[in-house]
């Protein structure tokens, strides 16, 4: 079992982006690398327009989507 949770972002500004998170440590996949981010704060904050505009996906699904990006 992976120590990370994976999210597929759905807000227009980040649509299709993949995030992996382990507690406060969050990484977004950009330019063929994982880059540290805090973007999920926007998706978890109830007053933000992006609130809950994500889907939690499996590590397998995340890796499949990343492979398709290359």
PDB file of N, CA and C in Angstrom:
ATOM      1  N   UNK A   1       0.850  -1.194   0.000  1.00  0.00           N
ATOM      2  CA  UNK A   1       0.000   0.000   0.000  1.00  0.00           C
ATOM      3  C   UNK A   1       0.885   1.244   0.000  1.00  0.00           C
ATOM      4  N   UNK A   2       0.518   2.193  -0.805  1.00  0.00           N
ATOM      5  CA  UNK A   2       1.292   3.423  -0.940  1.00  0.00           C
ATOM      6  C   UNK A   2       1.110   4.323   0.276  1.00  0.00           C
ATOM      7  N   UNK A   3       2.167   5.060   0.599  1.00  0.00           N
ATOM      8  CA  UNK A   3       2.050   6.023   1.695  1.00  0.00           C
ATOM      9  C   UNK A   3       1.438   7.333   1.211  1.00  0.00           C
ATOM     10  N   UNK A   4       1.205   7.434  -0.088  1.00  0.00           N
ATOM     11  CA  UNK A   4       0.643   8.650  -0.681  1.00  0.00           C
ATOM     12  C   UNK A   4      -0.818   8.453  -1.061  1.00  0.00           C
ATOM     13  N   UNK A   5      -1.534   9.566  -1.075  1.00  0.00           N
ATOM     14  CA  UNK A   5      -2.876   9.634  -1.661  1.00  0.00           C
ATOM     15  C   UNK A   5      -2.716  10.414  -2.957  1.00  0.00           C
ATOM     16  N   UNK A   6      -3.466  10.041  -3.951  1.00  0.00           N
ATOM     17  CA  UNK A   6      -3.373  10.689  -5.258  1.00  0.00           C
ATOM     18  C   UNK A   6      -4.702  11.348  -5.596  1.00  0.00           C
ATOM     19  N   UNK A   7      -4.599  12.546  -6.160  1.00  0.00           N
ATOM     20  CA  UNK A   7      -5.780  13.329  -6.508  1.00  0.00           C
ATOM     21  C   UNK A   7      -5.706  13.776  -7.956  1.00  0.00           C
ATOM     22  N   UNK A   8      -6.836  13.728  -8.624  1.00  0.00           N
ATOM     23  CA  UNK A   8      -6.997  14.265  -9.962  1.00  0.00           C
ATOM     24  C   UNK A   8      -7.785  15.558  -9.809  1.00  0.00           C
ATOM     25  N   UNK A   9      -7.174  16.681 -10.184  1.00  0.00           N
ATOM     26  CA  UNK A   9      -7.820  17.977 -10.012  1.00  0.00           C
ATOM     27  C   UNK A   9      -8.791  18.240 -11.149  1.00  0.00           C
ATOM     28  N   UNK A  10      -9.919  18.889 -10.811  1.00  0.00           N
ATOM     29  CA  UNK A  10     -10.986  19.099 -11.787  1.00  0.00           C
ATOM     30  C   UNK A  10     -11.347  20.557 -12.023  1.00  0.00           C
ATOM     31  N   UNK A  11     -10.821  21.480 -11.224  1.00  0.00           N
ATOM     32  CA  UNK A  11     -11.106  22.899 -11.456  1.00  0.00           C
ATOM     33  C   UNK A  11     -10.468  23.298 -12.785  1.00  0.00           C
ATOM     34  N   UNK A  12     -11.102  24.197 -13.513  1.00  0.00           N
ATOM     35  CA  UNK A  12     -10.611  24.581 -14.833  1.00  0.00           C
ATOM     36  C   UNK A  12      -9.140  24.990 -14.846  1.00  0.00           C
ATOM     37  N   UNK A  13      -8.690  25.699 -13.824  1.00  0.00           N
ATOM     38  CA  UNK A  13      -7.312  26.193 -13.806  1.00  0.00           C
ATOM     39  C   UNK A  13      -6.283  25.079 -13.619  1.00  0.00           C
ATOM     40  N   UNK A  14      -6.699  23.922 -13.119  1.00  0.00           N
ATOM     41  CA  UNK A  14      -5.774  22.809 -12.874  1.00  0.00           C
ATOM     42  C   UNK A  14      -6.311  21.487 -13.416  1.00  0.00           C
ATOM     43  N   UNK A  15      -7.274  21.562 -14.302  1.00  0.00           N
ATOM     44  CA  UNK A  15      -7.963  20.364 -14.780  1.00  0.00           C
ATOM     45  C   UNK A  15      -6.979  19.326 -15.315  1.00  0.00           C
ATOM     46  N   UNK A  16      -7.072  18.121 -14.766  1.00  0.00           N
ATOM     47  CA  UNK A  16      -6.235  17.024 -15.215  1.00  0.00           C
ATOM     48  C   UNK A  16      -4.911  16.890 -14.488  1.00  0.00           C
ATOM     49  N   UNK A  17      -4.568  17.860 -13.655  1.00  0.00           N
ATOM     50  CA  UNK A  17      -3.312  17.774 -12.903  1.00  0.00           C
ATOM     51  C   UNK A  17      -3.410  16.673 -11.860  1.00  0.00           C
ATOM     52  N   UNK A  18      -2.266  16.036 -11.598  1.00  0.00           N
ATOM     53  CA  UNK A  18      -2.178  14.965 -10.613  1.00  0.00           C
ATOM     54  C   UNK A  18      -1.387  15.471  -9.405  1.00  0.00           C
ATOM     55  N   UNK A  19      -1.926  15.219  -8.217  1.00  0.00           N
ATOM     56  CA  UNK A  19      -1.257  15.582  -6.969  1.00  0.00           C
ATOM     57  C   UNK A  19      -1.075  14.315  -6.146  1.00  0.00           C
ATOM     58  N   UNK A  20       0.125  14.157  -5.561  1.00  0.00           N
ATOM     59  CA  UNK A  20       0.307  13.090  -4.581  1.00  0.00           C
ATOM     60  C   UNK A  20       0.558  13.767  -3.244  1.00  0.00           C
ATOM     61  N   UNK A  21      -0.030  13.212  -2.206  1.00  0.00           N
ATOM     62  CA  UNK A  21       0.041  13.865  -0.896  1.00  0.00           C
ATOM     63  C   UNK A  21       0.253  12.827   0.206  1.00  0.00           C
ATOM     64  N   UNK A  22       1.029  13.248   1.181  1.00  0.00           N
ATOM     65  CA  UNK A  22       1.247  12.480   2.391  1.00  0.00           C
ATOM     66  C   UNK A  22       1.220  13.497   3.521  1.00  0.00           C
ATOM     67  N   UNK A  23       0.043  13.660   4.130  1.00  0.00           N
ATOM     68  CA  UNK A  23      -0.109  14.681   5.158  1.00  0.00           C
ATOM     69  C   UNK A  23       0.099  16.068   4.563  1.00  0.00           C
ATOM     70  N   UNK A  24       0.977  16.845   5.175  1.00  0.00           N
ATOM     71  CA  UNK A  24       1.243  18.203   4.684  1.00  0.00           C
ATOM     72  C   UNK A  24       2.104  18.227   3.432  1.00  0.00           C
ATOM     73  N   UNK A  25       2.783  17.143   3.156  1.00  0.00           N
ATOM     74  CA  UNK A  25       3.655  17.090   1.985  1.00  0.00           C
ATOM     75  C   UNK A  25       2.837  16.758   0.742  1.00  0.00           C
ATOM     76  N   UNK A  26       2.776  17.727  -0.158  1.00  0.00           N
ATOM     77  CA  UNK A  26       2.008  17.580  -1.388  1.00  0.00           C
ATOM     78  C   UNK A  26       2.914  17.899  -2.568  1.00  0.00           C
ATOM     79  N   UNK A  27       2.711  17.127  -3.646  1.00  0.00           N
ATOM     80  CA  UNK A  27       3.517  17.306  -4.847  1.00  0.00           C
ATOM     81  C   UNK A  27       2.603  17.263  -6.058  1.00  0.00           C
ATOM     82  N   UNK A  28       2.831  18.182  -6.985  1.00  0.00           N
ATOM     83  CA  UNK A  28       2.067  18.205  -8.224  1.00  0.00           C
ATOM     84  C   UNK A  28       3.001  17.785  -9.343  1.00  0.00           C
ATOM     85  N   UNK A  29       2.486  17.013 -10.280  1.00  0.00           N
ATOM     86  CA  UNK A  29       3.317  16.531 -11.382  1.00  0.00           C
ATOM     87  C   UNK A  29       3.355  17.598 -12.469  1.00  0.00           C
ATOM     88  N   UNK A  30       4.546  18.172 -12.678  1.00  0.00           N
ATOM     89  CA  UNK A  30       4.742  19.228 -13.676  1.00  0.00           C
ATOM     90  C   UNK A  30       6.057  19.004 -14.396  1.00  0.00           C
ATOM     91  N   UNK A  31       6.036  19.157 -15.695  1.00  0.00           N
ATOM     92  CA  UNK A  31       7.261  19.078 -16.509  1.00  0.00           C
ATOM     93  C   UNK A  31       8.085  17.833 -16.196  1.00  0.00           C
ATOM     94  N   UNK A  32       7.412  16.686 -16.139  1.00  0.00           N
ATOM     95  CA  UNK A  32       8.035  15.378 -15.931  1.00  0.00           C
ATOM     96  C   UNK A  32       8.714  15.210 -14.578  1.00  0.00           C
ATOM     97  N   UNK A  33       8.233  15.928 -13.562  1.00  0.00           N
ATOM     98  CA  UNK A  33       8.809  15.821 -12.227  1.00  0.00           C
ATOM     99  C   UNK A  33       7.754  16.174 -11.177  1.00  0.00           C
ATOM    100  N   UNK A  34       7.962  15.698  -9.951  1.00  0.00           N
ATOM    101  CA  UNK A  34       7.095  16.045  -8.827  1.00  0.00           C
ATOM    102  C   UNK A  34       7.633  17.304  -8.171  1.00  0.00           C
ATOM    103  N   UNK A  35       6.793  18.324  -8.051  1.00  0.00           N
ATOM    104  CA  UNK A  35       7.173  19.616  -7.491  1.00  0.00           C
ATOM    105  C   UNK A  35       6.343  19.858  -6.229  1.00  0.00           C
ATOM    106  N   UNK A  36       7.011  20.252  -5.163  1.00  0.00           N
ATOM    107  CA  UNK A  36       6.318  20.513  -3.886  1.00  0.00           C
ATOM    108  C   UNK A  36       5.292  21.628  -4.072  1.00  0.00           C
ATOM    109  N   UNK A  37       4.127  21.464  -3.459  1.00  0.00           N
ATOM    110  CA  UNK A  37       3.032  22.415  -3.614  1.00  0.00           C
ATOM    111  C   UNK A  37       2.171  22.428  -2.357  1.00  0.00           C
ATOM    112  N   UNK A  38       1.279  23.373  -2.296  1.00  0.00           N
ATOM    113  CA  UNK A  38       0.277  23.438  -1.239  1.00  0.00           C
ATOM    114  C   UNK A  38      -1.104  23.578  -1.852  1.00  0.00           C
ATOM    115  N   UNK A  39      -1.226  23.189  -3.111  1.00  0.00           N
ATOM    116  CA  UNK A  39      -2.445  23.433  -3.881  1.00  0.00           C
ATOM    117  C   UNK A  39      -3.697  22.798  -3.277  1.00  0.00           C
ATOM    118  N   UNK A  40      -3.554  21.693  -2.567  1.00  0.00           N
ATOM    119  CA  UNK A  40      -4.748  21.028  -2.041  1.00  0.00           C
ATOM    120  C   UNK A  40      -5.452  21.849  -0.967  1.00  0.00           C
ATOM    121  N   UNK A  41      -4.762  22.832  -0.398  1.00  0.00           N
ATOM    122  CA  UNK A  41      -5.431  23.728   0.554  1.00  0.00           C
ATOM    123  C   UNK A  41      -6.641  24.391  -0.097  1.00  0.00           C
ATOM    124  N   UNK A  42      -6.492  24.760  -1.361  1.00  0.00           N
ATOM    125  CA  UNK A  42      -7.605  25.388  -2.087  1.00  0.00           C
ATOM    126  C   UNK A  42      -8.771  24.409  -2.245  1.00  0.00           C
ATOM    127  N   UNK A  43      -8.460  23.160  -2.468  1.00  0.00           N
ATOM    128  CA  UNK A  43      -9.491  22.149  -2.721  1.00  0.00           C
ATOM    129  C   UNK A  43     -10.141  21.621  -1.445  1.00  0.00           C
ATOM    130  N   UNK A  44      -9.483  21.799  -0.310  1.00  0.00           N
ATOM    131  CA  UNK A  44     -10.031  21.359   0.969  1.00  0.00           C
ATOM    132  C   UNK A  44     -10.703  22.483   1.752  1.00  0.00           C
ATOM    133  N   UNK A  45     -10.466  23.737   1.384  1.00  0.00           N
ATOM    134  CA  UNK A  45     -10.993  24.895   2.104  1.00  0.00           C
ATOM    135  C   UNK A  45     -12.432  25.162   1.656  1.00  0.00           C
ATOM    136  N   UNK A  46     -13.373  25.082   2.579  1.00  0.00           N
ATOM    137  CA  UNK A  46     -14.801  25.186   2.242  1.00  0.00           C
ATOM    138  C   UNK A  46     -15.193  26.485   1.544  1.00  0.00           C
ATOM    139  N   UNK A  47     -14.515  27.587   1.843  1.00  0.00           N
ATOM    140  CA  UNK A  47     -14.883  28.872   1.252  1.00  0.00           C
ATOM    141  C   UNK A  47     -14.236  29.118  -0.110  1.00  0.00           C
ATOM    142  N   UNK A  48     -13.394  28.224  -0.562  1.00  0.00           N
ATOM    143  CA  UNK A  48     -12.716  28.400  -1.844  1.00  0.00           C
ATOM    144  C   UNK A  48     -13.602  27.882  -2.979  1.00  0.00           C
ATOM    145  N   UNK A  49     -13.632  28.576  -4.112  1.00  0.00           N
ATOM    146  CA  UNK A  49     -14.442  28.112  -5.248  1.00  0.00           C
ATOM    147  C   UNK A  49     -14.025  26.726  -5.766  1.00  0.00           C
ATOM    148  N   UNK A  50     -12.804  26.303  -5.478  1.00  0.00           N
ATOM    149  CA  UNK A  50     -12.319  24.993  -5.937  1.00  0.00           C
ATOM    150  C   UNK A  50     -12.641  23.862  -4.956  1.00  0.00           C
ATOM    151  N   UNK A  51     -13.321  24.184  -3.877  1.00  0.00           N
ATOM    152  CA  UNK A  51     -13.620  23.206  -2.825  1.00  0.00           C
ATOM    153  C   UNK A  51     -14.217  21.924  -3.416  1.00  0.00           C
ATOM    154  N   UNK A  52     -13.586  20.811  -3.093  1.00  0.00           N
ATOM    155  CA  UNK A  52     -14.015  19.469  -3.483  1.00  0.00           C
ATOM    156  C   UNK A  52     -14.058  19.237  -4.997  1.00  0.00           C
ATOM    157  N   UNK A  53     -13.328  20.029  -5.756  1.00  0.00           N
ATOM    158  CA  UNK A  53     -13.280  19.833  -7.205  1.00  0.00           C
ATOM    159  C   UNK A  53     -12.072  18.949  -7.558  1.00  0.00           C
ATOM    160  N   UNK A  54     -12.070  17.770  -6.962  1.00  0.00           N
ATOM    161  CA  UNK A  54     -11.018  16.798  -7.204  1.00  0.00           C
ATOM    162  C   UNK A  54     -11.619  15.409  -7.053  1.00  0.00           C
ATOM    163  N   UNK A  55     -10.867  14.437  -7.515  1.00  0.00           N
ATOM    164  CA  UNK A  55     -11.263  13.046  -7.346  1.00  0.00           C
ATOM    165  C   UNK A  55     -10.052  12.307  -6.797  1.00  0.00           C
ATOM    166  N   UNK A  56     -10.239  11.532  -5.758  1.00  0.00           N
ATOM    167  CA  UNK A  56      -9.144  10.712  -5.252  1.00  0.00           C
ATOM    168  C   UNK A  56      -9.039   9.483  -6.150  1.00  0.00           C
ATOM    169  N   UNK A  57      -7.827   9.210  -6.615  1.00  0.00           N
ATOM    170  CA  UNK A  57      -7.602   8.091  -7.522  1.00  0.00           C
ATOM    171  C   UNK A  57      -6.533   7.169  -6.942  1.00  0.00           C
ATOM    172  N   UNK A  58      -6.429   5.988  -7.499  1.00  0.00           N
ATOM    173  CA  UNK A  58      -5.424   5.036  -7.041  1.00  0.00           C
ATOM    174  C   UNK A  58      -4.053   5.423  -7.585  1.00  0.00           C
ATOM    175  N   UNK A  59      -3.017   4.880  -6.964  1.00  0.00           N
ATOM    176  CA  UNK A  59      -1.658   5.112  -7.465  1.00  0.00           C
ATOM    177  C   UNK A  59      -1.538   4.572  -8.886  1.00  0.00           C
ATOM    178  N   UNK A  60      -2.135   3.442  -9.138  1.00  0.00           N
ATOM    179  CA  UNK A  60      -2.104   2.849 -10.479  1.00  0.00           C
ATOM    180  C   UNK A  60      -2.720   3.793 -11.513  1.00  0.00           C
ATOM    181  N   UNK A  61      -3.871   4.355 -11.200  1.00  0.00           N
ATOM    182  CA  UNK A  61      -4.530   5.300 -12.110  1.00  0.00           C
ATOM    183  C   UNK A  61      -3.676   6.549 -12.303  1.00  0.00           C
ATOM    184  N   UNK A  62      -3.079   7.048 -11.220  1.00  0.00           N
ATOM    185  CA  UNK A  62      -2.220   8.238 -11.322  1.00  0.00           C
ATOM    186  C   UNK A  62      -1.043   7.973 -12.245  1.00  0.00           C
ATOM    187  N   UNK A  63      -0.392   6.829 -12.076  1.00  0.00           N
ATOM    188  CA  UNK A  63       0.771   6.505 -12.909  1.00  0.00           C
ATOM    189  C   UNK A  63       0.375   6.302 -14.370  1.00  0.00           C
ATOM    190  N   UNK A  64      -0.798   5.745 -14.593  1.00  0.00           N
ATOM    191  CA  UNK A  64      -1.303   5.564 -15.960  1.00  0.00           C
ATOM    192  C   UNK A  64      -1.498   6.930 -16.625  1.00  0.00           C
ATOM    193  N   UNK A  65      -2.124   7.857 -15.918  1.00  0.00           N
ATOM    194  CA  UNK A  65      -2.354   9.193 -16.465  1.00  0.00           C
ATOM    195  C   UNK A  65      -1.044   9.927 -16.726  1.00  0.00           C
ATOM    196  N   UNK A  66      -0.078   9.764 -15.811  1.00  0.00           N
ATOM    197  CA  UNK A  66       1.226  10.408 -15.983  1.00  0.00           C
ATOM    198  C   UNK A  66       1.932   9.837 -17.213  1.00  0.00           C
ATOM    199  N   UNK A  67       1.855   8.534 -17.416  1.00  0.00           N
ATOM    200  CA  UNK A  67       2.471   7.906 -18.583  1.00  0.00           C
ATOM    201  C   UNK A  67       1.867   8.448 -19.863  1.00  0.00           C
ATOM    202  N   UNK A  68       0.579   8.724 -19.845  1.00  0.00           N
ATOM    203  CA  UNK A  68      -0.105   9.268 -21.026  1.00  0.00           C
ATOM    204  C   UNK A  68       0.313  10.715 -21.302  1.00  0.00           C
ATOM    205  N   UNK A  69       0.791  11.423 -20.279  1.00  0.00           N
ATOM    206  CA  UNK A  69       1.231  12.822 -20.446  1.00  0.00           C
ATOM    207  C   UNK A  69       2.568  12.912 -21.164  1.00  0.00           C
ATOM    208  N   UNK A  70       3.377  11.874 -21.066  1.00  0.00           N
ATOM    209  CA  UNK A  70       4.747  11.912 -21.591  1.00  0.00           C
ATOM    210  C   UNK A  70       4.809  11.853 -23.078  1.00  0.00           C
TER     211      UNK A  70
END
